[in-house]
Amino acid sequence: QVQLVESGGGSVQAGGSLRLSCAASGYSYSHYCMGWFRQAPGKEREGVAVIQDGGGRATYADSVKGRFTISQDNAKNTVYLQMNSLKPEDTAMYYCAARARTWFQPSCTFGTEQYNTWGQGTQVTVSS
């Protein structure tokens, strides 16, 4: 059974940085998508960044391009989200998610319904 555990959230002032970690266990996918999503109060969950196995092709939401970087350490089964130049609108609960990449869903996208494994979330609060 795949489990995802996030860490690294916290409170920072605007312009600051945080690095989120997502440690995966029980993972047996050779082809996968892993990513970060966030949900602010009263809003729908949205994709932030996703990364693909192998070459680690990454996709970012327009709102975070140039500020956030997703990366992975295969030896540690961990995916990271480095968040720089944080803004108050980045305040949300951040979730890690994973799914197998299959022949009928080969691309890693932000469709939340495609991901079948989720972490418990870590809170990020950015004050102005």
Protein backbone atom coordinates (compact mmCIF):
# COMPACT_ATOMS: atom_id res chain seq x y z
CA GLN A 1 0.00 0.00 0.00
CA VAL A 2 1.44 3.32 -1.08
CA GLN A 3 1.72 5.99 1.58
CA LEU A 4 2.74 9.62 1.17
CA VAL A 5 3.89 11.78 4.05
CA GLU A 6 4.37 15.52 3.59
CA SER A 7 6.51 17.78 5.71
CA GLY A 8 8.08 21.22 5.58
CA GLY A 9 5.09 23.52 5.78
CA GLY A 10 5.00 26.54 8.04
CA SER A 11 4.48 30.28 8.28
CA VAL A 12 6.64 32.78 6.44
CA GLN A 13 6.47 36.38 5.38
CA ALA A 14 5.92 37.37 1.78
CA GLY A 15 9.09 36.98 -0.23
CA GLY A 16 10.30 34.10 1.90
CA SER A 17 10.98 30.48 1.00
CA LEU A 18 9.91 27.03 2.10
CA ARG A 19 10.75 23.53 0.92
CA LEU A 20 8.12 20.83 1.12
CA SER A 21 9.01 17.14 1.14
CA CYS A 22 6.88 14.15 0.25
CA ALA A 23 8.24 10.77 1.30
CA ALA A 24 6.71 7.78 -0.46
CA SER A 25 6.64 4.25 0.90
CA GLY A 26 5.21 1.02 -0.46
CA TYR A 27 5.74 2.40 -3.93
CA SER A 28 6.15 -0.09 -6.74
CA TYR A 29 5.30 1.96 -9.81
CA SER A 30 8.03 2.01 -12.44
CA HIS A 31 6.14 4.68 -14.36
CA TYR A 32 4.44 7.31 -12.27
CA CYS A 33 3.32 10.85 -11.78
CA MET A 34 3.87 12.63 -8.50
CA GLY A 35 2.84 16.12 -7.74
CA TRP A 36 1.83 18.88 -5.42
CA PHE A 37 -1.65 20.29 -5.14
CA ARG A 38 -3.06 22.95 -2.86
CA GLN A 39 -6.39 23.97 -1.48
CA ALA A 40 -7.21 27.29 0.11
CA PRO A 41 -10.32 27.75 2.29
CA GLY A 42 -13.43 28.00 0.17
CA LYS A 43 -11.59 27.10 -3.03
CA GLU A 44 -11.19 23.98 -5.08
CA ARG A 45 -8.03 21.91 -4.95
CA GLU A 46 -5.66 22.95 -7.70
CA GLY A 47 -2.50 21.57 -9.21
CA VAL A 48 0.76 23.33 -8.43
CA ALA A 49 3.49 21.15 -9.94
CA VAL A 50 3.76 17.56 -11.16
CA ILE A 51 6.76 15.49 -12.16
CA GLN A 52 7.15 12.38 -14.27
CA ASP A 53 9.39 9.39 -13.68
CA GLY A 54 12.52 8.84 -15.70
CA GLY A 55 13.60 12.16 -17.08
CA GLY A 56 11.60 13.96 -14.46
CA ARG A 57 9.59 16.08 -16.87
CA ALA A 58 7.86 18.73 -14.78
CA THR A 59 4.76 20.82 -15.30
CA TYR A 60 3.87 23.95 -13.34
CA ALA A 61 0.78 26.03 -12.80
CA ASP A 62 1.12 29.47 -14.37
CA SER A 63 0.77 31.09 -10.96
CA VAL A 64 3.97 29.48 -9.66
CA LYS A 65 6.20 29.35 -12.73
CA GLY A 66 9.59 30.86 -12.03
CA ARG A 67 9.05 30.71 -8.26
CA PHE A 68 8.49 27.03 -7.45
CA THR A 69 10.62 24.03 -8.42
CA ILE A 70 9.62 20.39 -8.14
CA SER A 71 12.33 17.76 -7.92
CA GLN A 72 12.77 14.15 -6.90
CA ASP A 73 15.35 12.01 -5.16
CA ASN A 74 14.78 8.47 -6.38
CA ALA A 75 17.16 6.99 -3.84
CA LYS A 76 15.06 8.44 -1.04
CA ASN A 77 11.68 8.00 -2.75
CA THR A 78 11.05 11.65 -2.02
CA VAL A 79 9.64 14.51 -4.05
CA TYR A 80 10.37 18.10 -3.10
CA LEU A 81 8.73 21.43 -3.78
CA GLN A 82 11.04 24.40 -3.38
CA MET A 83 8.94 27.53 -3.02
CA ASN A 84 10.62 30.91 -3.38
CA SER A 85 9.26 34.45 -3.50
CA LEU A 86 6.17 33.32 -1.65
CA LYS A 87 3.05 35.46 -1.83
CA PRO A 88 0.03 35.65 0.48
CA GLU A 89 -2.06 34.03 -2.24
CA ASP A 90 0.13 30.92 -1.92
CA THR A 91 -1.43 30.31 1.50
CA ALA A 92 -3.13 26.92 1.43
CA MET A 93 -2.98 23.32 2.54
CA TYR A 94 -0.49 21.59 0.28
CA TYR A 95 -1.01 17.95 -0.65
CA CYS A 96 1.28 15.43 -2.28
CA ALA A 97 -0.31 12.99 -4.69
CA ALA A 98 0.78 10.06 -6.81
CA ARG A 99 -0.52 7.71 -9.46
CA ALA A 100 0.78 5.14 -11.87
CA ARG A 101 1.40 6.41 -15.39
CA THR A 102 -0.41 4.04 -17.75
CA TRP A 103 -0.80 3.65 -21.48
CA PHE A 104 -4.22 5.32 -21.38
CA GLN A 105 -3.06 8.09 -19.03
CA PRO A 106 0.58 8.55 -20.06
CA SER A 107 0.91 12.26 -19.33
CA CYS A 108 1.22 13.85 -15.92
CA THR A 109 -1.44 16.51 -15.64
CA PHE A 110 -3.27 18.40 -12.91
CA GLY A 111 -6.47 16.39 -13.03
CA THR A 112 -7.07 15.60 -9.37
CA GLU A 113 -9.43 12.76 -10.23
CA GLN A 114 -6.53 10.87 -11.81
CA TYR A 115 -4.55 10.61 -8.59
CA ASN A 116 -5.43 7.73 -6.29
CA THR A 117 -2.93 8.28 -3.50
CA TRP A 118 -2.83 11.42 -1.36
CA GLY A 119 -0.89 12.57 1.65
CA GLN A 120 -2.43 14.18 4.71
CA GLY A 121 -1.37 17.69 3.73
CA THR A 122 0.91 20.33 5.18
CA GLN A 123 -0.14 23.92 5.84
CA VAL A 124 1.66 26.85 4.23
CA THR A 125 0.80 30.34 5.47
CA VAL A 126 2.31 33.44 3.89
CA SER A 127 1.76 36.77 5.62
CA SER A 128 2.05 40.16 3.97
